[in-house]
Amino acid sequence: MDLEIIGEIRNIELIARGIGVRDRTRLRKHYGRGRWRKLKGVASVRLTDGTIHTAELHWYEAHGIGRKEFKIKFPLLD
């Protein structure tokens, strides 16, 4: 699902890091070596149909590589 993040991501929490990240091998092949972490947070997002929602997002992040592969895991009620 394509989305555009509007504003900043709030309430960021660490889900997994290092060997705890299951997709580490795939992330390394696609984006390069790094200290991969999986995080979650809450942000306002605009979906492809133009609607705006507050949602819980999950993504991967590594120093020097940045945030990759955002996913909406739980749309919150507005």
PDB file of N, CA and C in Angstrom:
ATOM      1  N   MET A   1       0.843  -1.174   0.000  1.00  0.00           N
ATOM      2  CA  MET A   1       0.000   0.000   0.000  1.00  0.00           C
ATOM      3  C   MET A   1       0.887   1.236   0.000  1.00  0.00           C
ATOM      4  N   ASP A   2       0.678   2.125  -0.954  1.00  0.00           N
ATOM      5  CA  ASP A   2       1.438   3.363  -1.010  1.00  0.00           C
ATOM      6  C   ASP A   2       0.848   4.365  -0.040  1.00  0.00           C
ATOM      7  N   LEU A   3       1.723   5.128   0.595  1.00  0.00           N
ATOM      8  CA  LEU A   3       1.266   6.121   1.545  1.00  0.00           C
ATOM      9  C   LEU A   3       2.236   7.287   1.577  1.00  0.00           C
ATOM     10  N   GLU A   4       1.747   8.423   2.036  1.00  0.00           N
ATOM     11  CA  GLU A   4       2.578   9.602   2.224  1.00  0.00           C
ATOM     12  C   GLU A   4       2.443  10.011   3.681  1.00  0.00           C
ATOM     13  N   ILE A   5       3.566  10.134   4.367  1.00  0.00           N
ATOM     14  CA  ILE A   5       3.555  10.506   5.776  1.00  0.00           C
ATOM     15  C   ILE A   5       3.418  12.019   5.864  1.00  0.00           C
ATOM     16  N   ILE A   6       2.425  12.455   6.632  1.00  0.00           N
ATOM     17  CA  ILE A   6       2.165  13.878   6.812  1.00  0.00           C
ATOM     18  C   ILE A   6       2.623  14.246   8.223  1.00  0.00           C
ATOM     19  N   GLY A   7       3.535  15.183   8.338  1.00  0.00           N
ATOM     20  CA  GLY A   7       4.023  15.587   9.655  1.00  0.00           C
ATOM     21  C   GLY A   7       5.093  14.645  10.172  1.00  0.00           C
ATOM     22  N   GLU A   8       5.217  14.605  11.484  1.00  0.00           N
ATOM     23  CA  GLU A   8       6.270  13.802  12.090  1.00  0.00           C
ATOM     24  C   GLU A   8       5.715  12.506  12.674  1.00  0.00           C
ATOM     25  N   ILE A   9       6.604  11.553  12.880  1.00  0.00           N
ATOM     26  CA  ILE A   9       6.236  10.279  13.496  1.00  0.00           C
ATOM     27  C   ILE A   9       6.415  10.429  15.003  1.00  0.00           C
ATOM     28  N   ARG A  10       5.376  10.062  15.752  1.00  0.00           N
ATOM     29  CA  ARG A  10       5.378  10.207  17.208  1.00  0.00           C
ATOM     30  C   ARG A  10       5.442   8.834  17.880  1.00  0.00           C
ATOM     31  N   ASN A  11       5.770   8.830  19.151  1.00  0.00           N
ATOM     32  CA  ASN A  11       5.762   7.616  19.984  1.00  0.00           C
ATOM     33  C   ASN A  11       6.575   6.475  19.350  1.00  0.00           C
ATOM     34  N   ILE A  12       7.788   6.783  18.919  1.00  0.00           N
ATOM     35  CA  ILE A  12       8.636   5.780  18.273  1.00  0.00           C
ATOM     36  C   ILE A  12       9.149   4.781  19.305  1.00  0.00           C
ATOM     37  N   GLU A  13       8.981   3.484  18.985  1.00  0.00           N
ATOM     38  CA  GLU A  13       9.445   2.409  19.859  1.00  0.00           C
ATOM     39  C   GLU A  13      10.246   1.390  19.051  1.00  0.00           C
ATOM     40  N   LEU A  14      11.256   0.831  19.668  1.00  0.00           N
ATOM     41  CA  LEU A  14      12.066  -0.216  19.066  1.00  0.00           C
ATOM     42  C   LEU A  14      11.343  -1.551  19.185  1.00  0.00           C
ATOM     43  N   ILE A  15      11.239  -2.275  18.077  1.00  0.00           N
ATOM     44  CA  ILE A  15      10.637  -3.610  18.079  1.00  0.00           C
ATOM     45  C   ILE A  15      11.730  -4.674  18.105  1.00  0.00           C
ATOM     46  N   ALA A  16      12.736  -4.525  17.229  1.00  0.00           N
ATOM     47  CA  ALA A  16      13.816  -5.519  17.157  1.00  0.00           C
ATOM     48  C   ALA A  16      15.079  -4.838  16.640  1.00  0.00           C
ATOM     49  N   ARG A  17      16.232  -5.416  16.979  1.00  0.00           N
ATOM     50  CA  ARG A  17      17.509  -4.897  16.471  1.00  0.00           C
ATOM     51  C   ARG A  17      18.476  -6.053  16.288  1.00  0.00           C
ATOM     52  N   GLY A  18      19.476  -5.829  15.459  1.00  0.00           N
ATOM     53  CA  GLY A  18      20.511  -6.838  15.225  1.00  0.00           C
ATOM     54  C   GLY A  18      19.951  -8.142  14.696  1.00  0.00           C
ATOM     55  N   ILE A  19      20.315  -9.249  15.331  1.00  0.00           N
ATOM     56  CA  ILE A  19      19.871 -10.558  14.856  1.00  0.00           C
ATOM     57  C   ILE A  19      18.383 -10.784  15.102  1.00  0.00           C
ATOM     58  N   GLY A  20      17.748  -9.937  15.890  1.00  0.00           N
ATOM     59  CA  GLY A  20      16.313 -10.033  16.133  1.00  0.00           C
ATOM     60  C   GLY A  20      15.468  -9.602  14.943  1.00  0.00           C
ATOM     61  N   VAL A  21      16.082  -8.896  13.977  1.00  0.00           N
ATOM     62  CA  VAL A  21      15.366  -8.472  12.774  1.00  0.00           C
ATOM     63  C   VAL A  21      15.363  -9.652  11.812  1.00  0.00           C
ATOM     64  N   ARG A  22      14.186 -10.222  11.562  1.00  0.00           N
ATOM     65  CA  ARG A  22      14.089 -11.437  10.746  1.00  0.00           C
ATOM     66  C   ARG A  22      14.513 -11.218   9.300  1.00  0.00           C
ATOM     67  N   ASP A  23      14.229 -10.053   8.738  1.00  0.00           N
ATOM     68  CA  ASP A  23      14.510  -9.775   7.324  1.00  0.00           C
ATOM     69  C   ASP A  23      15.901  -9.185   7.102  1.00  0.00           C
ATOM     70  N   ARG A  24      16.785  -9.378   8.035  1.00  0.00           N
ATOM     71  CA  ARG A  24      18.117  -8.772   7.975  1.00  0.00           C
ATOM     72  C   ARG A  24      18.879  -9.129   6.704  1.00  0.00           C
ATOM     73  N   THR A  25      18.845 -10.382   6.294  1.00  0.00           N
ATOM     74  CA  THR A  25      19.566 -10.813   5.095  1.00  0.00           C
ATOM     75  C   THR A  25      19.018 -10.122   3.852  1.00  0.00           C
ATOM     76  N   ARG A  26      17.697 -10.075   3.733  1.00  0.00           N
ATOM     77  CA  ARG A  26      17.075  -9.421   2.581  1.00  0.00           C
ATOM     78  C   ARG A  26      17.367  -7.920   2.579  1.00  0.00           C
ATOM     79  N   LEU A  27      17.313  -7.285   3.740  1.00  0.00           N
ATOM     80  CA  LEU A  27      17.598  -5.856   3.835  1.00  0.00           C
ATOM     81  C   LEU A  27      19.042  -5.566   3.427  1.00  0.00           C
ATOM     82  N   ARG A  28      19.956  -6.413   3.854  1.00  0.00           N
ATOM     83  CA  ARG A  28      21.373  -6.236   3.508  1.00  0.00           C
ATOM     84  C   ARG A  28      21.580  -6.361   2.001  1.00  0.00           C
ATOM     85  N   LYS A  29      20.892  -7.304   1.348  1.00  0.00           N
ATOM     86  CA  LYS A  29      21.024  -7.479  -0.095  1.00  0.00           C
ATOM     87  C   LYS A  29      20.454  -6.289  -0.865  1.00  0.00           C
ATOM     88  N   HIS A  30      19.312  -5.755  -0.404  1.00  0.00           N
ATOM     89  CA  HIS A  30      18.650  -4.658  -1.113  1.00  0.00           C
ATOM     90  C   HIS A  30      19.288  -3.289  -0.853  1.00  0.00           C
ATOM     91  N   TYR A  31      19.654  -3.022   0.408  1.00  0.00           N
ATOM     92  CA  TYR A  31      20.065  -1.672   0.795  1.00  0.00           C
ATOM     93  C   TYR A  31      21.503  -1.561   1.285  1.00  0.00           C
ATOM     94  N   GLY A  32      22.141  -2.675   1.620  1.00  0.00           N
ATOM     95  CA  GLY A  32      23.520  -2.642   2.081  1.00  0.00           C
ATOM     96  C   GLY A  32      23.651  -2.991   3.557  1.00  0.00           C
ATOM     97  N   ARG A  33      24.893  -3.094   3.981  1.00  0.00           N
ATOM     98  CA  ARG A  33      25.185  -3.451   5.367  1.00  0.00           C
ATOM     99  C   ARG A  33      24.862  -2.282   6.278  1.00  0.00           C
ATOM    100  N   GLY A  34      24.393  -2.608   7.436  1.00  0.00           N
ATOM    101  CA  GLY A  34      24.081  -1.589   8.425  1.00  0.00           C
ATOM    102  C   GLY A  34      23.573  -2.244   9.694  1.00  0.00           C
ATOM    103  N   ARG A  35      23.411  -1.452  10.727  1.00  0.00           N
ATOM    104  CA  ARG A  35      22.840  -1.947  11.980  1.00  0.00           C
ATOM    105  C   ARG A  35      21.331  -1.804  11.878  1.00  0.00           C
ATOM    106  N   TRP A  36      20.682  -2.806  11.323  1.00  0.00           N
ATOM    107  CA  TRP A  36      19.260  -2.742  11.039  1.00  0.00           C
ATOM    108  C   TRP A  36      18.437  -2.860  12.315  1.00  0.00           C
ATOM    109  N   ARG A  37      17.395  -2.013  12.376  1.00  0.00           N
ATOM    110  CA  ARG A  37      16.449  -2.020  13.483  1.00  0.00           C
ATOM    111  C   ARG A  37      15.042  -1.972  12.905  1.00  0.00           C
ATOM    112  N   LYS A  38      14.091  -2.575  13.603  1.00  0.00           N
ATOM    113  CA  LYS A  38      12.691  -2.457  13.221  1.00  0.00           C
ATOM    114  C   LYS A  38      12.030  -1.588  14.276  1.00  0.00           C
ATOM    115  N   LEU A  39      11.296  -0.562  13.817  1.00  0.00           N
ATOM    116  CA  LEU A  39      10.668   0.388  14.721  1.00  0.00           C
ATOM    117  C   LEU A  39       9.197   0.552  14.414  1.00  0.00           C
ATOM    118  N   LYS A  40       8.471   1.120  15.375  1.00  0.00           N
ATOM    119  CA  LYS A  40       7.070   1.454  15.149  1.00  0.00           C
ATOM    120  C   LYS A  40       6.794   2.818  15.741  1.00  0.00           C
ATOM    121  N   GLY A  41       5.774   3.493  15.183  1.00  0.00           N
ATOM    122  CA  GLY A  41       5.379   4.802  15.656  1.00  0.00           C
ATOM    123  C   GLY A  41       4.010   5.156  15.094  1.00  0.00           C
ATOM    124  N   VAL A  42       3.510   6.313  15.499  1.00  0.00           N
ATOM    125  CA  VAL A  42       2.196   6.779  15.080  1.00  0.00           C
ATOM    126  C   VAL A  42       2.366   8.045  14.267  1.00  0.00           C
ATOM    127  N   ALA A  43       1.648   8.137  13.133  1.00  0.00           N
ATOM    128  CA  ALA A  43       1.729   9.326  12.276  1.00  0.00           C
ATOM    129  C   ALA A  43       0.440   9.477  11.481  1.00  0.00           C
ATOM    130  N   SER A  44       0.221  10.679  10.974  1.00  0.00           N
ATOM    131  CA  SER A  44      -0.866  10.919  10.029  1.00  0.00           C
ATOM    132  C   SER A  44      -0.357  10.548   8.646  1.00  0.00           C
ATOM    133  N   VAL A  45      -1.173   9.814   7.896  1.00  0.00           N
ATOM    134  CA  VAL A  45      -0.774   9.365   6.563  1.00  0.00           C
ATOM    135  C   VAL A  45      -1.873   9.672   5.552  1.00  0.00           C
ATOM    136  N   ARG A  46      -1.452   9.943   4.322  1.00  0.00           N
ATOM    137  CA  ARG A  46      -2.393  10.111   3.214  1.00  0.00           C
ATOM    138  C   ARG A  46      -2.275   8.877   2.335  1.00  0.00           C
ATOM    139  N   LEU A  47      -3.387   8.196   2.131  1.00  0.00           N
ATOM    140  CA  LEU A  47      -3.415   6.991   1.314  1.00  0.00           C
ATOM    141  C   LEU A  47      -3.575   7.358  -0.154  1.00  0.00           C
ATOM    142  N   THR A  48      -3.472   6.367  -1.031  1.00  0.00           N
ATOM    143  CA  THR A  48      -3.548   6.618  -2.469  1.00  0.00           C
ATOM    144  C   THR A  48      -4.907   7.153  -2.900  1.00  0.00           C
ATOM    145  N   ASP A  49      -5.964   6.873  -2.135  1.00  0.00           N
ATOM    146  CA  ASP A  49      -7.287   7.391  -2.485  1.00  0.00           C
ATOM    147  C   ASP A  49      -7.505   8.817  -1.981  1.00  0.00           C
ATOM    148  N   GLY A  50      -6.496   9.397  -1.321  1.00  0.00           N
ATOM    149  CA  GLY A  50      -6.561  10.786  -0.873  1.00  0.00           C
ATOM    150  C   GLY A  50      -7.050  10.972   0.552  1.00  0.00           C
ATOM    151  N   THR A  51      -7.493   9.912   1.209  1.00  0.00           N
ATOM    152  CA  THR A  51      -7.969  10.039   2.582  1.00  0.00           C
ATOM    153  C   THR A  51      -6.791  10.139   3.547  1.00  0.00           C
ATOM    154  N   ILE A  52      -7.023  10.844   4.646  1.00  0.00           N
ATOM    155  CA  ILE A  52      -5.990  11.037   5.663  1.00  0.00           C
ATOM    156  C   ILE A  52      -6.425  10.311   6.926  1.00  0.00           C
ATOM    157  N   HIS A  53      -5.509   9.513   7.485  1.00  0.00           N
ATOM    158  CA  HIS A  53      -5.785   8.724   8.686  1.00  0.00           C
ATOM    159  C   HIS A  53      -4.600   8.826   9.643  1.00  0.00           C
ATOM    160  N   THR A  54      -4.860   8.599  10.921  1.00  0.00           N
ATOM    161  CA  THR A  54      -3.803   8.405  11.893  1.00  0.00           C
ATOM    162  C   THR A  54      -3.580   6.907  11.976  1.00  0.00           C
ATOM    163  N   ALA A  55      -2.340   6.471  11.848  1.00  0.00           N
ATOM    164  CA  ALA A  55      -2.070   5.033  11.791  1.00  0.00           C
ATOM    165  C   ALA A  55      -0.778   4.682  12.509  1.00  0.00           C
ATOM    166  N   GLU A  56      -0.709   3.417  12.948  1.00  0.00           N
ATOM    167  CA  GLU A  56       0.541   2.880  13.473  1.00  0.00           C
ATOM    168  C   GLU A  56       1.355   2.395  12.286  1.00  0.00           C
ATOM    169  N   LEU A  57       2.608   2.825  12.224  1.00  0.00           N
ATOM    170  CA  LEU A  57       3.506   2.457  11.138  1.00  0.00           C
ATOM    171  C   LEU A  57       4.630   1.581  11.674  1.00  0.00           C
ATOM    172  N   HIS A  58       5.076   0.651  10.854  1.00  0.00           N
ATOM    173  CA  HIS A  58       6.275  -0.138  11.135  1.00  0.00           C
ATOM    174  C   HIS A  58       7.241   0.102   9.989  1.00  0.00           C
ATOM    175  N   TRP A  59       8.552   0.155  10.282  1.00  0.00           N
ATOM    176  CA  TRP A  59       9.554   0.348   9.245  1.00  0.00           C
ATOM    177  C   TRP A  59      10.902  -0.171   9.731  1.00  0.00           C
ATOM    178  N   TYR A  60      11.822  -0.275   8.769  1.00  0.00           N
ATOM    179  CA  TYR A  60      13.202  -0.674   9.065  1.00  0.00           C
ATOM    180  C   TYR A  60      14.083   0.550   8.926  1.00  0.00           C
ATOM    181  N   GLU A  61      15.169   0.582   9.710  1.00  0.00           N
ATOM    182  CA  GLU A  61      16.051   1.741   9.697  1.00  0.00           C
ATOM    183  C   GLU A  61      17.468   1.287  10.005  1.00  0.00           C
ATOM    184  N   ALA A  62      18.435   1.908   9.321  1.00  0.00           N
ATOM    185  CA  ALA A  62      19.849   1.650   9.606  1.00  0.00           C
ATOM    186  C   ALA A  62      20.604   2.967   9.478  1.00  0.00           C
ATOM    187  N   HIS A  63      21.599   3.143  10.308  1.00  0.00           N
ATOM    188  CA  HIS A  63      22.414   4.351  10.271  1.00  0.00           C
ATOM    189  C   HIS A  63      23.116   4.471   8.927  1.00  0.00           C
ATOM    190  N   GLY A  64      23.033   5.632   8.321  1.00  0.00           N
ATOM    191  CA  GLY A  64      23.675   5.865   7.036  1.00  0.00           C
ATOM    192  C   GLY A  64      22.841   5.423   5.847  1.00  0.00           C
ATOM    193  N   ILE A  65      21.788   4.654   6.091  1.00  0.00           N
ATOM    194  CA  ILE A  65      20.916   4.168   5.021  1.00  0.00           C
ATOM    195  C   ILE A  65      19.552   4.842   5.111  1.00  0.00           C
ATOM    196  N   GLY A  66      19.046   5.010   6.317  1.00  0.00           N
ATOM    197  CA  GLY A  66      17.782   5.700   6.519  1.00  0.00           C
ATOM    198  C   GLY A  66      16.610   4.761   6.750  1.00  0.00           C
ATOM    199  N   ARG A  67      15.409   5.345   6.701  1.00  0.00           N
ATOM    200  CA  ARG A  67      14.176   4.599   6.936  1.00  0.00           C
ATOM    201  C   ARG A  67      13.704   3.963   5.640  1.00  0.00           C
ATOM    202  N   LYS A  68      13.340   2.691   5.706  1.00  0.00           N
ATOM    203  CA  LYS A  68      12.927   1.945   4.518  1.00  0.00           C
ATOM    204  C   LYS A  68      11.681   1.116   4.819  1.00  0.00           C
ATOM    205  N   GLU A  69      10.883   0.880   3.797  1.00  0.00           N
ATOM    206  CA  GLU A  69       9.767  -0.058   3.800  1.00  0.00           C
ATOM    207  C   GLU A  69       8.728   0.226   4.883  1.00  0.00           C
ATOM    208  N   PHE A  70       8.085   1.371   4.805  1.00  0.00           N
ATOM    209  CA  PHE A  70       7.009   1.707   5.738  1.00  0.00           C
ATOM    210  C   PHE A  70       5.788   0.842   5.464  1.00  0.00           C
ATOM    211  N   LYS A  71       5.128   0.396   6.540  1.00  0.00           N
ATOM    212  CA  LYS A  71       3.916  -0.409   6.426  1.00  0.00           C
ATOM    213  C   LYS A  71       2.903   0.114   7.446  1.00  0.00           C
ATOM    214  N   ILE A  72       1.633   0.177   7.040  1.00  0.00           N
ATOM    215  CA  ILE A  72       0.570   0.483   7.998  1.00  0.00           C
ATOM    216  C   ILE A  72       0.206  -0.838   8.666  1.00  0.00           C
ATOM    217  N   LYS A  73       0.342  -0.895   9.965  1.00  0.00           N
ATOM    218  CA  LYS A  73       0.014  -2.108  10.679  1.00  0.00           C
ATOM    219  C   LYS A  73      -1.317  -2.012  11.405  1.00  0.00           C
ATOM    220  N   PHE A  74      -1.758  -0.794  11.729  1.00  0.00           N
ATOM    221  CA  PHE A  74      -2.980  -0.663  12.506  1.00  0.00           C
ATOM    222  C   PHE A  74      -3.541   0.737  12.321  1.00  0.00           C
ATOM    223  N   PRO A  75      -4.601   0.892  11.514  1.00  0.00           N
ATOM    224  CA  PRO A  75      -5.201   2.226  11.399  1.00  0.00           C
ATOM    225  C   PRO A  75      -5.939   2.585  12.680  1.00  0.00           C
ATOM    226  N   LEU A  76      -5.670   3.761  13.202  1.00  0.00           N
ATOM    227  CA  LEU A  76      -6.312   4.218  14.442  1.00  0.00           C
ATOM    228  C   LEU A  76      -7.562   5.023  14.098  1.00  0.00           C
ATOM    229  N   LEU A  77      -8.501   5.049  15.005  1.00  0.00           N
ATOM    230  CA  LEU A  77      -9.715   5.820  14.783  1.00  0.00           C
ATOM    231  C   LEU A  77      -9.423   7.303  14.905  1.00  0.00           C
ATOM    232  N   ASP A  78      -9.952   8.095  13.988  1.00  0.00           N
ATOM    233  CA  ASP A  78      -9.730   9.551  14.019  1.00  0.00           C
ATOM    234  C   ASP A  78     -10.785  10.243  14.848  1.00  0.00           C
TER     235      ASP A  78
END
